[in-house]
Full PDB file with SEQRES, HELIX, SHEET, SSBOND, CRYST1, ORIGX, SCALE, CONECT and MASTER records, all heavy atoms in Angstrom:
SEQRES   1 A   36  ALA GLY HIS ARG PRO ARG SER VAL LEU VAL GLN PRO LYS          
SEQRES   2 A   36  TRP LEU GLY GLU VAL GLU LEU LEU ALA GLY GLU ALA PRO          
SEQRES   3 A   36  VAL TYR VAL VAL THR ASP ALA VAL ALA GLU                      
HELIX    1 AA1 PRO A   12  TRP A   14  5                                   3    
HELIX    2 AA2 LEU A   15  VAL A   18  1                                   4    
HELIX    3 AA3 ASP A   32  ALA A   35  1                                   4    
SHEET    1 AA1 2 VAL A   8  VAL A  10  0                                        
SHEET    2 AA1 2 VAL A  27  VAL A  29  1                                        
CRYST1    1.000    1.000    1.000  90.00  90.00  90.00 P 1           1          
ORIGX1      1.000000  0.000000  0.000000        0.00000                         
ORIGX2      0.000000  1.000000  0.000000        0.00000                         
ORIGX3      0.000000  0.000000  1.000000        0.00000                         
SCALE1      1.000000  0.000000  0.000000        0.00000                         
SCALE2      0.000000  1.000000  0.000000        0.00000                         
SCALE3      0.000000  0.000000  1.000000        0.00000                         
ATOM      1  N   ALA A   1       0.812  -1.229   0.006  1.00  0.00           N  
ATOM      2  CA  ALA A   1      -0.008   0.006   0.009  1.00  0.00           C  
ATOM      3  C   ALA A   1       0.855   1.261  -0.003  1.00  0.00           C  
ATOM      4  O   ALA A   1       0.309   2.365   0.057  1.00  0.00           O  
ATOM      5  CB  ALA A   1      -0.943  -0.008   1.208  1.00  0.00           C  
ATOM      6  N   GLY A   2       2.188   1.094  -0.060  1.00  0.00           N  
ATOM      7  CA  GLY A   2       3.061   2.234  -0.127  1.00  0.00           C  
ATOM      8  C   GLY A   2       3.616   2.725   1.211  1.00  0.00           C  
ATOM      9  O   GLY A   2       4.288   3.764   1.272  1.00  0.00           O  
ATOM     10  N   HIS A   3       3.359   1.957   2.299  1.00  0.00           N  
ATOM     11  CA  HIS A   3       3.865   2.337   3.587  1.00  0.00           C  
ATOM     12  C   HIS A   3       5.293   1.872   3.746  1.00  0.00           C  
ATOM     13  O   HIS A   3       5.691   0.839   3.202  1.00  0.00           O  
ATOM     14  CB  HIS A   3       3.014   1.725   4.725  1.00  0.00           C  
ATOM     15  CG  HIS A   3       1.575   2.206   4.697  1.00  0.00           C  
ATOM     16  ND1 HIS A   3       0.750   2.045   5.773  1.00  0.00           N  
ATOM     17  CD2 HIS A   3       0.846   2.807   3.759  1.00  0.00           C  
ATOM     18  CE1 HIS A   3      -0.444   2.524   5.470  1.00  0.00           C  
ATOM     19  NE2 HIS A   3      -0.411   3.011   4.242  1.00  0.00           N  
ATOM     20  N   ARG A   4       6.139   2.631   4.477  1.00  0.00           N  
ATOM     21  CA  ARG A   4       7.551   2.337   4.597  1.00  0.00           C  
ATOM     22  C   ARG A   4       7.907   1.825   6.001  1.00  0.00           C  
ATOM     23  O   ARG A   4       7.531   2.466   7.000  1.00  0.00           O  
ATOM     24  CB  ARG A   4       8.407   3.592   4.318  1.00  0.00           C  
ATOM     25  CG  ARG A   4       8.308   4.073   2.872  1.00  0.00           C  
ATOM     26  CD  ARG A   4       9.278   5.234   2.655  1.00  0.00           C  
ATOM     27  NE  ARG A   4       8.961   6.353   3.514  1.00  0.00           N  
ATOM     28  CZ  ARG A   4       9.763   6.769   4.507  1.00  0.00           C  
ATOM     29  NH1 ARG A   4      10.883   6.124   4.775  1.00  0.00           N  
ATOM     30  NH2 ARG A   4       9.429   7.825   5.255  1.00  0.00           N  
ATOM     31  N   PRO A   5       8.655   0.726   6.082  1.00  0.00           N  
ATOM     32  CA  PRO A   5       9.149   0.275   7.394  1.00  0.00           C  
ATOM     33  C   PRO A   5      10.211   1.210   7.949  1.00  0.00           C  
ATOM     34  O   PRO A   5      11.097   1.694   7.209  1.00  0.00           O  
ATOM     35  CB  PRO A   5       9.724  -1.084   7.091  1.00  0.00           C  
ATOM     36  CG  PRO A   5       9.275  -1.473   5.736  1.00  0.00           C  
ATOM     37  CD  PRO A   5       9.019  -0.200   5.000  1.00  0.00           C  
ATOM     38  N   ARG A   6      10.154   1.452   9.268  1.00  0.00           N  
ATOM     39  CA  ARG A   6      11.245   2.146   9.925  1.00  0.00           C  
ATOM     40  C   ARG A   6      12.288   1.134  10.423  1.00  0.00           C  
ATOM     41  O   ARG A   6      13.467   1.389  10.401  1.00  0.00           O  
ATOM     42  CB  ARG A   6      10.653   2.910  11.124  1.00  0.00           C  
ATOM     43  CG  ARG A   6      11.644   3.777  11.828  1.00  0.00           C  
ATOM     44  CD  ARG A   6      10.930   4.977  12.441  1.00  0.00           C  
ATOM     45  NE  ARG A   6      10.408   4.748  13.772  1.00  0.00           N  
ATOM     46  CZ  ARG A   6       9.701   5.675  14.457  1.00  0.00           C  
ATOM     47  NH1 ARG A   6       9.423   6.813  13.874  1.00  0.00           N  
ATOM     48  NH2 ARG A   6       9.278   5.436  15.658  1.00  0.00           N  
ATOM     49  N   SER A   7      11.801  -0.044  10.805  1.00  0.00           N  
ATOM     50  CA  SER A   7      12.665  -1.184  11.160  1.00  0.00           C  
ATOM     51  C   SER A   7      11.817  -2.400  11.185  1.00  0.00           C  
ATOM     52  O   SER A   7      10.563  -2.327  11.152  1.00  0.00           O  
ATOM     53  CB  SER A   7      13.351  -0.966  12.513  1.00  0.00           C  
ATOM     54  OG  SER A   7      12.380  -0.976  13.578  1.00  0.00           O  
ATOM     55  N   VAL A   8      12.443  -3.566  11.212  1.00  0.00           N  
ATOM     56  CA  VAL A   8      11.750  -4.852  11.320  1.00  0.00           C  
ATOM     57  C   VAL A   8      12.371  -5.671  12.437  1.00  0.00           C  
ATOM     58  O   VAL A   8      13.605  -5.659  12.616  1.00  0.00           O  
ATOM     59  CB  VAL A   8      11.833  -5.637   9.974  1.00  0.00           C  
ATOM     60  CG1 VAL A   8      11.158  -7.010  10.146  1.00  0.00           C  
ATOM     61  CG2 VAL A   8      11.168  -4.849   8.872  1.00  0.00           C  
ATOM     62  N   LEU A   9      11.558  -6.306  13.244  1.00  0.00           N  
ATOM     63  CA  LEU A   9      12.008  -7.196  14.320  1.00  0.00           C  
ATOM     64  C   LEU A   9      11.626  -8.623  13.952  1.00  0.00           C  
ATOM     65  O   LEU A   9      10.434  -8.860  13.654  1.00  0.00           O  
ATOM     66  CB  LEU A   9      11.368  -6.795  15.640  1.00  0.00           C  
ATOM     67  CG  LEU A   9      11.700  -7.615  16.884  1.00  0.00           C  
ATOM     68  CD1 LEU A   9      13.092  -7.178  17.371  1.00  0.00           C  
ATOM     69  CD2 LEU A   9      10.666  -7.410  17.981  1.00  0.00           C  
ATOM     70  N   VAL A  10      12.554  -9.530  13.982  1.00  0.00           N  
ATOM     71  CA  VAL A  10      12.278 -10.877  13.489  1.00  0.00           C  
ATOM     72  C   VAL A  10      13.064 -11.903  14.236  1.00  0.00           C  
ATOM     73  O   VAL A  10      14.184 -11.644  14.726  1.00  0.00           O  
ATOM     74  CB  VAL A  10      12.571 -10.968  11.953  1.00  0.00           C  
ATOM     75  CG1 VAL A  10      14.061 -10.766  11.692  1.00  0.00           C  
ATOM     76  CG2 VAL A  10      12.069 -12.250  11.369  1.00  0.00           C  
ATOM     77  N   GLN A  11      12.494 -13.095  14.424  1.00  0.00           N  
ATOM     78  CA  GLN A  11      13.232 -14.224  14.951  1.00  0.00           C  
ATOM     79  C   GLN A  11      13.959 -14.911  13.828  1.00  0.00           C  
ATOM     80  O   GLN A  11      13.537 -14.843  12.658  1.00  0.00           O  
ATOM     81  CB  GLN A  11      12.267 -15.168  15.659  1.00  0.00           C  
ATOM     82  CG  GLN A  11      11.728 -14.596  16.972  1.00  0.00           C  
ATOM     83  CD  GLN A  11      10.204 -14.528  16.996  1.00  0.00           C  
ATOM     84  OE1 GLN A  11       9.581 -13.960  16.131  1.00  0.00           O  
ATOM     85  NE2 GLN A  11       9.602 -15.147  18.024  1.00  0.00           N  
ATOM     86  N   PRO A  12      15.093 -15.572  14.115  1.00  0.00           N  
ATOM     87  CA  PRO A  12      15.944 -16.084  13.030  1.00  0.00           C  
ATOM     88  C   PRO A  12      15.223 -16.949  11.995  1.00  0.00           C  
ATOM     89  O   PRO A  12      15.492 -16.810  10.792  1.00  0.00           O  
ATOM     90  CB  PRO A  12      16.994 -16.912  13.812  1.00  0.00           C  
ATOM     91  CG  PRO A  12      17.056 -16.281  15.136  1.00  0.00           C  
ATOM     92  CD  PRO A  12      15.668 -15.795  15.435  1.00  0.00           C  
ATOM     93  N   LYS A  13      14.321 -17.809  12.404  1.00  0.00           N  
ATOM     94  CA  LYS A  13      13.688 -18.721  11.440  1.00  0.00           C  
ATOM     95  C   LYS A  13      12.775 -18.042  10.453  1.00  0.00           C  
ATOM     96  O   LYS A  13      12.416 -18.628   9.423  1.00  0.00           O  
ATOM     97  CB  LYS A  13      12.914 -19.821  12.198  1.00  0.00           C  
ATOM     98  CG  LYS A  13      11.773 -19.316  13.040  1.00  0.00           C  
ATOM     99  CD  LYS A  13      11.125 -20.475  13.801  1.00  0.00           C  
ATOM    100  CE  LYS A  13      10.049 -19.975  14.722  1.00  0.00           C  
ATOM    101  NZ  LYS A  13       9.429 -21.107  15.506  1.00  0.00           N  
ATOM    102  N   TRP A  14      12.389 -16.741  10.746  1.00  0.00           N  
ATOM    103  CA  TRP A  14      11.500 -16.051   9.847  1.00  0.00           C  
ATOM    104  C   TRP A  14      12.241 -15.008   9.008  1.00  0.00           C  
ATOM    105  O   TRP A  14      11.598 -14.279   8.230  1.00  0.00           O  
ATOM    106  CB  TRP A  14      10.421 -15.303  10.665  1.00  0.00           C  
ATOM    107  CG  TRP A  14       9.595 -16.207  11.525  1.00  0.00           C  
ATOM    108  CD1 TRP A  14       9.723 -16.399  12.853  1.00  0.00           C  
ATOM    109  CD2 TRP A  14       8.510 -17.023  11.101  1.00  0.00           C  
ATOM    110  NE1 TRP A  14       8.785 -17.311  13.320  1.00  0.00           N  
ATOM    111  CE2 TRP A  14       7.999 -17.700  12.262  1.00  0.00           C  
ATOM    112  CE3 TRP A  14       7.881 -17.278   9.886  1.00  0.00           C  
ATOM    113  CZ2 TRP A  14       6.956 -18.579  12.209  1.00  0.00           C  
ATOM    114  CZ3 TRP A  14       6.817 -18.156   9.820  1.00  0.00           C  
ATOM    115  CH2 TRP A  14       6.381 -18.796  10.991  1.00  0.00           C  
ATOM    116  N   LEU A  15      13.563 -14.927   9.145  1.00  0.00           N  
ATOM    117  CA  LEU A  15      14.317 -13.865   8.473  1.00  0.00           C  
ATOM    118  C   LEU A  15      14.103 -13.870   6.958  1.00  0.00           C  
ATOM    119  O   LEU A  15      13.913 -12.825   6.353  1.00  0.00           O  
ATOM    120  CB  LEU A  15      15.791 -13.972   8.802  1.00  0.00           C  
ATOM    121  CG  LEU A  15      16.726 -12.945   8.195  1.00  0.00           C  
ATOM    122  CD1 LEU A  15      16.354 -11.550   8.626  1.00  0.00           C  
ATOM    123  CD2 LEU A  15      18.197 -13.254   8.592  1.00  0.00           C  
ATOM    124  N   GLY A  16      14.075 -15.035   6.390  1.00  0.00           N  
ATOM    125  CA  GLY A  16      13.935 -15.112   4.926  1.00  0.00           C  
ATOM    126  C   GLY A  16      12.628 -14.547   4.413  1.00  0.00           C  
ATOM    127  O   GLY A  16      12.546 -14.086   3.255  1.00  0.00           O  
ATOM    128  N   GLU A  17      11.586 -14.528   5.258  1.00  0.00           N  
ATOM    129  CA  GLU A  17      10.283 -14.054   4.800  1.00  0.00           C  
ATOM    130  C   GLU A  17      10.159 -12.549   4.756  1.00  0.00           C  
ATOM    131  O   GLU A  17       9.311 -11.981   4.094  1.00  0.00           O  
ATOM    132  CB  GLU A  17       9.172 -14.619   5.697  1.00  0.00           C  
ATOM    133  CG  GLU A  17       8.973 -16.112   5.550  1.00  0.00           C  
ATOM    134  CD  GLU A  17       7.618 -16.555   6.117  1.00  0.00           C  
ATOM    135  OE1 GLU A  17       6.734 -15.708   6.292  1.00  0.00           O  
ATOM    136  OE2 GLU A  17       7.483 -17.754   6.457  1.00  0.00           O  
ATOM    137  N   VAL A  18      11.035 -11.843   5.518  1.00  0.00           N  
ATOM    138  CA  VAL A  18      10.868 -10.405   5.628  1.00  0.00           C  
ATOM    139  C   VAL A  18      12.035  -9.610   5.026  1.00  0.00           C  
ATOM    140  O   VAL A  18      11.955  -8.398   4.886  1.00  0.00           O  
ATOM    141  CB  VAL A  18      10.720  -9.981   7.087  1.00  0.00           C  
ATOM    142  CG1 VAL A  18       9.467 -10.611   7.677  1.00  0.00           C  
ATOM    143  CG2 VAL A  18      11.914 -10.299   7.924  1.00  0.00           C  
ATOM    144  N   GLU A  19      13.130 -10.271   4.639  1.00  0.00           N  
ATOM    145  CA  GLU A  19      14.283  -9.531   4.142  1.00  0.00           C  
ATOM    146  C   GLU A  19      13.940  -8.603   2.982  1.00  0.00           C  
ATOM    147  O   GLU A  19      14.340  -7.480   2.903  1.00  0.00           O  
ATOM    148  CB  GLU A  19      15.398 -10.516   3.721  1.00  0.00           C  
ATOM    149  CG  GLU A  19      16.193 -11.065   4.900  1.00  0.00           C  
ATOM    150  CD  GLU A  19      17.342 -11.943   4.461  1.00  0.00           C  
ATOM    151  OE1 GLU A  19      17.035 -13.015   3.849  1.00  0.00           O  
ATOM    152  OE2 GLU A  19      18.496 -11.557   4.660  1.00  0.00           O  
ATOM    153  N   LEU A  20      13.154  -9.161   2.035  1.00  0.00           N  
ATOM    154  CA  LEU A  20      12.802  -8.356   0.864  1.00  0.00           C  
ATOM    155  C   LEU A  20      11.792  -7.236   1.167  1.00  0.00           C  
ATOM    156  O   LEU A  20      11.680  -6.277   0.436  1.00  0.00           O  
ATOM    157  CB  LEU A  20      12.269  -9.254  -0.267  1.00  0.00           C  
ATOM    158  CG  LEU A  20      13.246 -10.291  -0.818  1.00  0.00           C  
ATOM    159  CD1 LEU A  20      12.582 -11.162  -1.854  1.00  0.00           C  
ATOM    160  CD2 LEU A  20      14.472  -9.588  -1.413  1.00  0.00           C  
ATOM    161  N   LEU A  21      11.022  -7.393   2.271  1.00  0.00           N  
ATOM    162  CA  LEU A  21      10.009  -6.421   2.622  1.00  0.00           C  
ATOM    163  C   LEU A  21      10.595  -5.210   3.300  1.00  0.00           C  
ATOM    164  O   LEU A  21      10.015  -4.121   3.303  1.00  0.00           O  
ATOM    165  CB  LEU A  21       8.955  -7.052   3.523  1.00  0.00           C  
ATOM    166  CG  LEU A  21       8.181  -8.250   2.956  1.00  0.00           C  
ATOM    167  CD1 LEU A  21       7.307  -8.818   4.053  1.00  0.00           C  
ATOM    168  CD2 LEU A  21       7.347  -7.824   1.789  1.00  0.00           C  
ATOM    169  N   ALA A  22      11.766  -5.391   3.909  1.00  0.00           N  
ATOM    170  CA  ALA A  22      12.348  -4.312   4.738  1.00  0.00           C  
ATOM    171  C   ALA A  22      12.888  -3.139   3.932  1.00  0.00           C  
ATOM    172  O   ALA A  22      13.000  -2.041   4.446  1.00  0.00           O  
ATOM    173  CB  ALA A  22      13.417  -4.893   5.638  1.00  0.00           C  
ATOM    174  N   GLY A  23      13.203  -3.354   2.660  1.00  0.00           N  
ATOM    175  CA  GLY A  23      13.814  -2.303   1.894  1.00  0.00           C  
ATOM    176  C   GLY A  23      15.150  -1.904   2.510  1.00  0.00           C  
ATOM    177  O   GLY A  23      16.007  -2.767   2.754  1.00  0.00           O  
ATOM    178  N   GLU A  24      15.341  -0.623   2.768  1.00  0.00           N  
ATOM    179  CA  GLU A  24      16.588  -0.164   3.346  1.00  0.00           C  
ATOM    180  C   GLU A  24      16.534  -0.080   4.901  1.00  0.00           C  
ATOM    181  O   GLU A  24      17.519   0.329   5.536  1.00  0.00           O  
ATOM    182  CB  GLU A  24      16.935   1.202   2.789  1.00  0.00           C  
ATOM    183  CG  GLU A  24      17.173   1.194   1.289  1.00  0.00           C  
ATOM    184  CD  GLU A  24      17.511   2.552   0.724  1.00  0.00           C  
ATOM    185  OE1 GLU A  24      17.536   3.535   1.529  1.00  0.00           O  
ATOM    186  OE2 GLU A  24      17.745   2.685  -0.485  1.00  0.00           O  
ATOM    187  N   ALA A  25      15.394  -0.457   5.456  1.00  0.00           N  
ATOM    188  CA  ALA A  25      15.248  -0.378   6.932  1.00  0.00           C  
ATOM    189  C   ALA A  25      16.055  -1.443   7.632  1.00  0.00           C  
ATOM    190  O   ALA A  25      16.230  -2.569   7.075  1.00  0.00           O  
ATOM    191  CB  ALA A  25      13.785  -0.527   7.295  1.00  0.00           C  
ATOM    192  N   PRO A  26      16.570  -1.194   8.804  1.00  0.00           N  
ATOM    193  CA  PRO A  26      17.338  -2.241   9.546  1.00  0.00           C  
ATOM    194  C   PRO A  26      16.415  -3.369   9.987  1.00  0.00           C  
ATOM    195  O   PRO A  26      15.242  -3.172  10.291  1.00  0.00           O  
ATOM    196  CB  PRO A  26      17.878  -1.479  10.732  1.00  0.00           C  
ATOM    197  CG  PRO A  26      16.986  -0.309  10.946  1.00  0.00           C  
ATOM    198  CD  PRO A  26      16.539   0.061   9.565  1.00  0.00           C  
ATOM    199  N   VAL A  27      16.962  -4.592   9.957  1.00  0.00           N  
ATOM    200  CA  VAL A  27      16.249  -5.779  10.442  1.00  0.00           C  
ATOM    201  C   VAL A  27      16.955  -6.249  11.688  1.00  0.00           C  
ATOM    202  O   VAL A  27      18.135  -6.592  11.668  1.00  0.00           O  
ATOM    203  CB  VAL A  27      16.261  -6.880   9.370  1.00  0.00           C  
ATOM    204  CG1 VAL A  27      15.572  -8.118   9.883  1.00  0.00           C  
ATOM    205  CG2 VAL A  27      15.586  -6.418   8.088  1.00  0.00           C  
ATOM    206  N   TYR A  28      16.217  -6.185  12.812  1.00  0.00           N  
ATOM    207  CA  TYR A  28      16.779  -6.641  14.087  1.00  0.00           C  
ATOM    208  C   TYR A  28      16.382  -8.080  14.315  1.00  0.00           C  
ATOM    209  O   TYR A  28      15.185  -8.420  14.404  1.00  0.00           O  
ATOM    210  CB  TYR A  28      16.255  -5.765  15.225  1.00  0.00           C  
ATOM    211  CG  TYR A  28      16.564  -4.272  15.045  1.00  0.00           C  
ATOM    212  CD1 TYR A  28      15.561  -3.294  15.135  1.00  0.00           C  
ATOM    213  CD2 TYR A  28      17.867  -3.855  14.728  1.00  0.00           C  
ATOM    214  CE1 TYR A  28      15.864  -1.958  14.969  1.00  0.00           C  
ATOM    215  CE2 TYR A  28      18.159  -2.519  14.552  1.00  0.00           C  
ATOM    216  CZ  TYR A  28      17.141  -1.556  14.674  1.00  0.00           C  
ATOM    217  OH  TYR A  28      17.441  -0.241  14.504  1.00  0.00           O  
ATOM    218  N   VAL A  29      17.356  -8.951  14.467  1.00  0.00           N  
ATOM    219  CA  VAL A  29      17.128 -10.391  14.670  1.00  0.00           C  
ATOM    220  C   VAL A  29      17.340 -10.687  16.148  1.00  0.00           C  
ATOM    221  O   VAL A  29      18.385 -10.377  16.706  1.00  0.00           O  
ATOM    222  CB  VAL A  29      18.094 -11.219  13.815  1.00  0.00           C  
ATOM    223  CG1 VAL A  29      17.812 -12.708  14.003  1.00  0.00           C  
ATOM    224  CG2 VAL A  29      17.970 -10.834  12.344  1.00  0.00           C  
ATOM    225  N   VAL A  30      16.263 -11.268  16.761  1.00  0.00           N  
ATOM    226  CA  VAL A  30      16.315 -11.575  18.178  1.00  0.00           C  
ATOM    227  C   VAL A  30      15.821 -12.970  18.421  1.00  0.00           C  
ATOM    228  O   VAL A  30      15.126 -13.551  17.590  1.00  0.00           O  
ATOM    229  CB  VAL A  30      15.404 -10.572  18.986  1.00  0.00           C  
ATOM    230  CG1 VAL A  30      15.941  -9.138  18.811  1.00  0.00           C  
ATOM    231  CG2 VAL A  30      13.967 -10.696  18.611  1.00  0.00           C  
ATOM    232  N   THR A  31      16.150 -13.530  19.564  1.00  0.00           N  
ATOM    233  CA  THR A  31      15.648 -14.852  19.923  1.00  0.00           C  
ATOM    234  C   THR A  31      14.215 -14.728  20.397  1.00  0.00           C  
ATOM    235  O   THR A  31      13.700 -13.635  20.673  1.00  0.00           O  
ATOM    236  CB  THR A  31      16.487 -15.444  21.095  1.00  0.00           C  
ATOM    237  OG1 THR A  31      16.335 -14.616  22.228  1.00  0.00           O  
ATOM    238  CG2 THR A  31      17.964 -15.516  20.725  1.00  0.00           C  
ATOM    239  N   ASP A  32      13.543 -15.883  20.488  1.00  0.00           N  
ATOM    240  CA  ASP A  32      12.174 -15.894  20.988  1.00  0.00           C  
ATOM    241  C   ASP A  32      12.053 -15.285  22.371  1.00  0.00           C  
ATOM    242  O   ASP A  32      11.133 -14.537  22.689  1.00  0.00           O  
ATOM    243  CB  ASP A  32      11.626 -17.333  21.039  1.00  0.00           C  
ATOM    244  CG  ASP A  32      11.464 -17.961  19.653  1.00  0.00           C  
ATOM    245  OD1 ASP A  32      11.818 -17.284  18.659  1.00  0.00           O  
ATOM    246  OD2 ASP A  32      11.067 -19.124  19.579  1.00  0.00           O  
ATOM    247  N   ALA A  33      13.049 -15.597  23.236  1.00  0.00           N  
ATOM    248  CA  ALA A  33      13.031 -15.110  24.596  1.00  0.00           C  
ATOM    249  C   ALA A  33      13.171 -13.591  24.650  1.00  0.00           C  
ATOM    250  O   ALA A  33      12.462 -12.919  25.390  1.00  0.00           O  
ATOM    251  CB  ALA A  33      14.133 -15.778  25.430  1.00  0.00           C  
ATOM    252  N   VAL A  34      14.069 -13.047  23.859  1.00  0.00           N  
ATOM    253  CA  VAL A  34      14.252 -11.601  23.804  1.00  0.00           C  
ATOM    254  C   VAL A  34      12.977 -10.927  23.294  1.00  0.00           C  
ATOM    255  O   VAL A  34      12.560  -9.895  23.820  1.00  0.00           O  
ATOM    256  CB  VAL A  34      15.472 -11.232  22.956  1.00  0.00           C  
ATOM    257  CG1 VAL A  34      15.539  -9.726  22.681  1.00  0.00           C  
ATOM    258  CG2 VAL A  34      16.760 -11.677  23.637  1.00  0.00           C  
ATOM    259  N   ALA A  35      12.388 -11.479  22.240  1.00  0.00           N  
ATOM    260  CA  ALA A  35      11.159 -10.905  21.687  1.00  0.00           C  
ATOM    261  C   ALA A  35      10.048 -10.828  22.721  1.00  0.00           C  
ATOM    262  O   ALA A  35       9.333  -9.845  22.856  1.00  0.00           O  
ATOM    263  CB  ALA A  35      10.686 -11.696  20.468  1.00  0.00           C  
ATOM    264  N   GLU A  36       9.922 -11.915  23.524  1.00  0.00           N  
ATOM    265  CA  GLU A  36       8.862 -11.948  24.554  1.00  0.00           C  
ATOM    266  C   GLU A  36       9.141 -10.943  25.686  1.00  0.00           C  
ATOM    267  O   GLU A  36       8.241 -10.250  26.139  1.00  0.00           O  
ATOM    268  CB  GLU A  36       8.712 -13.341  25.110  1.00  0.00           C  
ATOM    269  CG  GLU A  36       7.562 -13.502  26.113  1.00  0.00           C  
ATOM    270  CD  GLU A  36       7.238 -14.937  26.439  1.00  0.00           C  
ATOM    271  OE1 GLU A  36       7.858 -15.837  25.830  1.00  0.00           O  
ATOM    272  OE2 GLU A  36       6.367 -15.137  27.305  1.00  0.00           O  
TER     273      GLU A  36                                                      
MASTER        0    0    0    3    2    0    0    6  272    1    0    3          
END                                                                             
């Protein structure tokens, strides 16, 4: 819809699904425990 990510937070196993969506925004990879 044309909205821009400022950043993306992702667990390692999902990284491949969001890499292309992030554009130039940083992707922060964290463990499940850190995310919770």
